[in-house]
N, C-alpha and C. Protein backbone atom coordinates (compact mmCIF):
# COMPACT_ATOMS: atom_id res chain seq x y z
N MET A 1 -45.65 72.29 115.54
CA MET A 1 -45.56 72.04 116.95
C MET A 1 -46.01 70.62 117.30
N ARG A 2 -47.02 70.15 116.60
CA ARG A 2 -47.53 68.80 116.84
C ARG A 2 -46.49 67.81 116.49
N ARG A 3 -45.76 67.98 115.40
CA ARG A 3 -44.70 67.05 114.99
C ARG A 3 -43.56 67.03 116.01
N LEU A 4 -43.25 68.18 116.51
CA LEU A 4 -42.17 68.30 117.49
C LEU A 4 -42.56 67.58 118.78
N TRP A 5 -43.80 67.78 119.20
CA TRP A 5 -44.30 67.10 120.41
C TRP A 5 -44.33 65.58 120.22
N GLY A 6 -44.74 65.14 119.04
CA GLY A 6 -44.75 63.71 118.74
C GLY A 6 -43.35 63.11 118.74
N ALA A 7 -42.39 63.86 118.22
CA ALA A 7 -41.00 63.38 118.20
C ALA A 7 -40.49 63.29 119.65
N ILE A 8 -40.77 64.28 120.44
CA ILE A 8 -40.30 64.30 121.85
C ILE A 8 -40.93 63.16 122.65
N SER A 9 -42.24 62.97 122.47
CA SER A 9 -42.88 61.91 123.23
C SER A 9 -42.46 60.54 122.76
N GLY A 10 -42.16 60.43 121.43
CA GLY A 10 -41.66 59.17 120.94
C GLY A 10 -40.26 58.87 121.48
N ALA A 11 -39.43 59.85 121.63
CA ALA A 11 -38.06 59.65 122.14
C ALA A 11 -38.11 59.31 123.60
N ILE A 12 -39.02 59.97 124.33
CA ILE A 12 -39.17 59.66 125.77
C ILE A 12 -39.68 58.23 125.95
N GLY A 13 -40.67 57.90 125.13
CA GLY A 13 -41.17 56.51 125.19
C GLY A 13 -40.12 55.47 124.86
N TRP A 14 -39.24 55.77 123.88
CA TRP A 14 -38.19 54.84 123.51
C TRP A 14 -37.22 54.66 124.64
N VAL A 15 -36.88 55.76 125.33
CA VAL A 15 -35.94 55.67 126.47
C VAL A 15 -36.58 54.88 127.64
N LEU A 16 -37.83 55.14 127.89
CA LEU A 16 -38.47 54.50 129.06
C LEU A 16 -38.78 53.03 128.82
N ASN A 17 -38.96 52.63 127.54
CA ASN A 17 -39.29 51.22 127.26
C ASN A 17 -38.10 50.33 126.99
N ARG A 18 -36.88 50.88 127.10
CA ARG A 18 -35.70 50.04 126.96
C ARG A 18 -35.55 49.09 128.11
N PRO A 19 -35.01 47.89 127.84
CA PRO A 19 -34.80 46.96 128.93
C PRO A 19 -33.69 47.46 129.85
N VAL A 20 -33.82 47.19 131.13
CA VAL A 20 -32.84 47.64 132.09
C VAL A 20 -31.77 46.56 132.22
N GLY A 21 -30.52 46.92 132.19
CA GLY A 21 -29.41 45.98 132.38
C GLY A 21 -29.05 45.27 131.06
N TRP A 22 -28.24 44.24 131.17
CA TRP A 22 -27.80 43.53 130.03
C TRP A 22 -28.68 42.33 129.79
N GLU A 23 -28.80 41.96 128.54
CA GLU A 23 -29.55 40.72 128.21
C GLU A 23 -28.60 39.59 128.24
N ARG A 24 -28.99 38.54 128.94
CA ARG A 24 -28.12 37.35 129.08
C ARG A 24 -28.35 36.41 127.91
N LYS A 25 -27.31 35.66 127.61
CA LYS A 25 -27.50 34.68 126.56
C LYS A 25 -28.33 33.55 127.16
N GLU A 26 -28.95 32.79 126.27
CA GLU A 26 -29.78 31.69 126.74
C GLU A 26 -28.96 30.60 127.34
N ASP A 27 -29.30 30.20 128.52
CA ASP A 27 -28.54 29.17 129.25
C ASP A 27 -29.05 27.80 128.79
N PRO A 28 -28.16 26.91 128.32
CA PRO A 28 -28.67 25.60 127.86
C PRO A 28 -29.22 24.77 128.99
N MET A 29 -28.80 24.99 130.24
CA MET A 29 -29.28 24.24 131.38
C MET A 29 -30.69 24.67 131.77
N ARG A 30 -31.07 25.89 131.35
CA ARG A 30 -32.39 26.37 131.75
C ARG A 30 -33.49 25.50 131.21
N ALA A 31 -33.31 25.01 130.02
CA ALA A 31 -34.32 24.13 129.44
C ALA A 31 -34.51 22.85 130.25
N LEU A 32 -33.48 22.39 130.92
CA LEU A 32 -33.56 21.22 131.71
C LEU A 32 -34.29 21.49 133.05
N TYR A 33 -34.01 22.63 133.67
CA TYR A 33 -34.58 22.91 134.98
C TYR A 33 -35.93 23.56 134.93
N HIS A 34 -36.19 24.36 133.95
CA HIS A 34 -37.42 25.15 133.92
C HIS A 34 -38.42 24.63 132.93
N ARG A 35 -38.52 23.33 132.80
CA ARG A 35 -39.51 22.75 131.94
C ARG A 35 -40.77 22.41 132.82
N PRO A 36 -41.91 22.36 132.16
CA PRO A 36 -43.04 21.90 132.98
C PRO A 36 -42.84 20.43 133.36
N MET A 37 -43.28 20.11 134.55
CA MET A 37 -43.15 18.75 135.00
C MET A 37 -44.03 17.84 134.17
N PRO A 38 -43.65 16.59 133.97
CA PRO A 38 -44.52 15.68 133.23
C PRO A 38 -45.82 15.44 134.03
N ALA A 39 -46.79 15.00 133.35
CA ALA A 39 -48.08 14.71 133.96
C ALA A 39 -47.85 13.65 135.05
N ARG A 40 -48.37 13.88 136.19
CA ARG A 40 -48.15 12.92 137.30
C ARG A 40 -48.95 11.62 136.98
N LEU A 41 -48.31 10.53 137.29
CA LEU A 41 -48.87 9.21 137.15
C LEU A 41 -49.35 8.92 135.73
N ARG A 42 -48.50 9.26 134.79
CA ARG A 42 -48.76 8.90 133.38
C ARG A 42 -48.16 7.54 133.09
N ILE A 43 -48.83 6.72 132.39
CA ILE A 43 -48.36 5.33 132.13
C ILE A 43 -47.28 5.35 131.08
N ASN A 44 -46.12 4.81 131.45
CA ASN A 44 -45.07 4.50 130.49
C ASN A 44 -45.25 3.06 130.05
N TRP A 45 -45.65 2.84 128.82
CA TRP A 45 -46.04 1.51 128.38
C TRP A 45 -44.88 0.54 128.32
N LEU A 46 -43.70 1.05 127.99
CA LEU A 46 -42.54 0.16 127.95
C LEU A 46 -42.18 -0.29 129.39
N ALA A 47 -42.30 0.61 130.33
CA ALA A 47 -42.03 0.26 131.76
C ALA A 47 -43.13 -0.68 132.25
N LEU A 48 -44.36 -0.56 131.70
CA LEU A 48 -45.38 -1.48 132.13
C LEU A 48 -45.09 -2.90 131.66
N VAL A 49 -44.54 -3.01 130.48
CA VAL A 49 -44.18 -4.33 129.95
C VAL A 49 -42.95 -4.92 130.65
N LEU A 50 -41.91 -4.08 130.81
CA LEU A 50 -40.62 -4.57 131.39
C LEU A 50 -40.55 -4.52 132.87
N GLY A 51 -41.37 -3.66 133.52
CA GLY A 51 -41.33 -3.54 134.96
C GLY A 51 -40.05 -2.92 135.43
N PRO A 52 -39.49 -3.46 136.54
CA PRO A 52 -38.24 -2.94 137.08
C PRO A 52 -37.02 -3.06 136.15
N ILE A 53 -37.11 -3.93 135.17
CA ILE A 53 -35.99 -4.14 134.19
C ILE A 53 -35.86 -2.86 133.36
N TRP A 54 -36.96 -2.10 133.19
CA TRP A 54 -36.87 -0.84 132.43
C TRP A 54 -35.92 0.14 133.12
N TYR A 55 -35.88 0.10 134.46
CA TYR A 55 -34.98 1.00 135.15
C TYR A 55 -33.50 0.69 134.84
N PHE A 56 -33.17 -0.56 134.65
CA PHE A 56 -31.83 -0.92 134.29
C PHE A 56 -31.51 -0.39 132.89
N PHE A 57 -32.43 -0.52 131.97
CA PHE A 57 -32.19 -0.05 130.60
C PHE A 57 -32.06 1.48 130.56
N ALA A 58 -32.78 2.17 131.46
CA ALA A 58 -32.73 3.65 131.51
C ALA A 58 -31.54 4.13 132.28
N GLY A 59 -30.78 3.25 132.93
CA GLY A 59 -29.61 3.67 133.69
C GLY A 59 -29.88 3.96 135.14
N LEU A 60 -31.09 3.66 135.61
CA LEU A 60 -31.43 3.89 137.01
C LEU A 60 -31.36 2.57 137.73
N TRP A 61 -30.17 2.06 137.87
CA TRP A 61 -29.96 0.73 138.42
C TRP A 61 -30.31 0.63 139.91
N VAL A 62 -30.18 1.72 140.65
CA VAL A 62 -30.54 1.69 142.10
C VAL A 62 -32.07 1.48 142.27
N HIS A 63 -32.86 2.20 141.47
CA HIS A 63 -34.30 2.02 141.50
C HIS A 63 -34.64 0.61 141.08
N GLY A 64 -34.00 0.09 140.05
CA GLY A 64 -34.25 -1.26 139.59
C GLY A 64 -33.96 -2.31 140.67
N VAL A 65 -32.84 -2.15 141.35
CA VAL A 65 -32.45 -3.14 142.37
C VAL A 65 -33.44 -3.07 143.52
N ILE A 66 -33.85 -1.89 143.93
CA ILE A 66 -34.78 -1.72 145.02
C ILE A 66 -36.14 -2.39 144.69
N LEU A 67 -36.65 -2.13 143.47
CA LEU A 67 -37.93 -2.70 143.08
C LEU A 67 -37.89 -4.20 142.89
N LEU A 68 -36.79 -4.72 142.36
CA LEU A 68 -36.67 -6.17 142.19
C LEU A 68 -36.50 -6.84 143.56
N SER A 69 -35.78 -6.19 144.49
CA SER A 69 -35.61 -6.81 145.84
C SER A 69 -36.94 -6.80 146.59
N VAL A 70 -37.76 -5.79 146.41
CA VAL A 70 -39.09 -5.81 147.04
C VAL A 70 -39.93 -6.95 146.48
N ALA A 71 -39.86 -7.13 145.17
CA ALA A 71 -40.65 -8.18 144.56
C ALA A 71 -40.14 -9.55 145.02
N PHE A 72 -38.82 -9.76 145.10
CA PHE A 72 -38.34 -11.06 145.48
C PHE A 72 -38.51 -11.33 146.96
N LEU A 73 -38.30 -10.32 147.82
CA LEU A 73 -38.41 -10.52 149.27
C LEU A 73 -39.79 -10.74 149.72
N SER A 74 -40.78 -10.23 148.95
CA SER A 74 -42.17 -10.46 149.30
C SER A 74 -42.69 -11.80 148.78
N GLY A 75 -41.84 -12.54 148.10
CA GLY A 75 -42.20 -13.86 147.58
C GLY A 75 -43.13 -13.75 146.37
N GLY A 76 -43.11 -12.61 145.71
CA GLY A 76 -43.95 -12.40 144.51
C GLY A 76 -45.29 -11.88 144.80
N ILE A 77 -45.62 -11.69 146.08
CA ILE A 77 -46.96 -11.15 146.40
C ILE A 77 -47.10 -9.70 145.92
N LEU A 78 -46.03 -8.92 146.05
CA LEU A 78 -46.11 -7.52 145.66
C LEU A 78 -45.67 -7.29 144.24
N LEU A 79 -45.49 -8.34 143.48
CA LEU A 79 -45.00 -8.17 142.10
C LEU A 79 -45.95 -7.35 141.24
N PRO A 80 -47.28 -7.49 141.30
CA PRO A 80 -48.14 -6.63 140.50
C PRO A 80 -48.04 -5.14 140.89
N PHE A 81 -47.84 -4.91 142.19
CA PHE A 81 -47.74 -3.53 142.62
C PHE A 81 -46.40 -2.91 142.22
N VAL A 82 -45.34 -3.69 142.20
CA VAL A 82 -44.04 -3.25 141.74
C VAL A 82 -44.14 -2.90 140.27
N TRP A 83 -44.75 -3.75 139.49
CA TRP A 83 -44.91 -3.51 138.01
C TRP A 83 -45.72 -2.26 137.79
N LEU A 84 -46.81 -2.11 138.54
CA LEU A 84 -47.65 -0.90 138.44
C LEU A 84 -46.90 0.37 138.82
N TYR A 85 -46.13 0.29 139.89
CA TYR A 85 -45.32 1.44 140.30
C TYR A 85 -44.34 1.80 139.20
N ALA A 86 -43.69 0.79 138.65
CA ALA A 86 -42.70 1.03 137.56
C ALA A 86 -43.35 1.72 136.37
N ALA A 87 -44.53 1.33 136.04
CA ALA A 87 -45.24 1.90 134.90
C ALA A 87 -45.66 3.32 135.14
N LEU A 88 -46.15 3.57 136.36
CA LEU A 88 -46.68 4.91 136.65
C LEU A 88 -45.63 5.98 136.98
N LYS A 89 -44.55 5.57 137.57
CA LYS A 89 -43.54 6.52 138.05
C LYS A 89 -42.28 6.57 137.21
N ALA A 90 -42.22 5.85 136.10
CA ALA A 90 -41.00 5.75 135.31
C ALA A 90 -40.55 7.13 134.76
N ASP A 91 -41.49 7.84 134.14
CA ASP A 91 -41.10 9.14 133.57
C ASP A 91 -40.68 10.12 134.62
N GLU A 92 -41.35 10.14 135.75
CA GLU A 92 -41.00 11.08 136.82
C GLU A 92 -39.64 10.72 137.43
N ASP A 93 -39.39 9.45 137.62
CA ASP A 93 -38.09 9.01 138.20
C ASP A 93 -36.93 9.34 137.24
N LEU A 94 -37.17 9.18 135.95
CA LEU A 94 -36.19 9.51 134.93
C LEU A 94 -35.84 10.98 134.93
N LEU A 95 -36.87 11.83 135.02
CA LEU A 95 -36.67 13.27 135.03
C LEU A 95 -35.91 13.70 136.34
N ASP A 96 -36.28 13.09 137.43
CA ASP A 96 -35.56 13.40 138.70
C ASP A 96 -34.13 13.00 138.61
N ALA A 97 -33.84 11.88 137.98
CA ALA A 97 -32.44 11.41 137.88
C ALA A 97 -31.67 12.34 136.99
N ARG A 98 -32.27 12.82 135.88
CA ARG A 98 -31.55 13.78 135.02
C ARG A 98 -31.31 15.09 135.71
N LEU A 99 -32.23 15.53 136.55
CA LEU A 99 -32.01 16.79 137.26
C LEU A 99 -30.92 16.60 138.34
N MET A 100 -30.88 15.44 138.97
CA MET A 100 -29.90 15.22 140.01
C MET A 100 -28.51 15.05 139.45
N ARG A 101 -28.41 14.59 138.20
CA ARG A 101 -27.07 14.51 137.56
C ARG A 101 -26.46 15.89 137.34
N ARG A 102 -27.31 16.85 137.10
CA ARG A 102 -26.81 18.23 136.81
C ARG A 102 -26.77 19.07 138.10
N SER A 103 -27.31 18.58 139.20
CA SER A 103 -27.31 19.36 140.42
C SER A 103 -25.97 19.33 141.12
N VAL A 104 -25.70 20.41 141.83
CA VAL A 104 -24.44 20.50 142.54
C VAL A 104 -24.55 19.73 143.88
N TYR A 105 -25.71 19.69 144.41
CA TYR A 105 -25.87 19.09 145.74
C TYR A 105 -25.94 17.62 145.67
């Protein structure tokens, strides 16, 4: 009787623990969208050395033009701040650009 009851409870447990619905295949885009965000304000050393020029090498030419125009229009006064911004926000801007390339909107 005990074996029968164990078999019945095991079968009931197997039925109740089954996943509901179909299992989907792994979406390759999920790794792009559902990654943890990079640490905010982390220093990108290459961007610290190259400044706004790094944005051109990374393919973010709009950001590079904006940062260089700010540096030139200020007469060089804001040049250290532009370089510091490029160093601190480079990784985050690159991730945002990659997400926007895949976005429908």
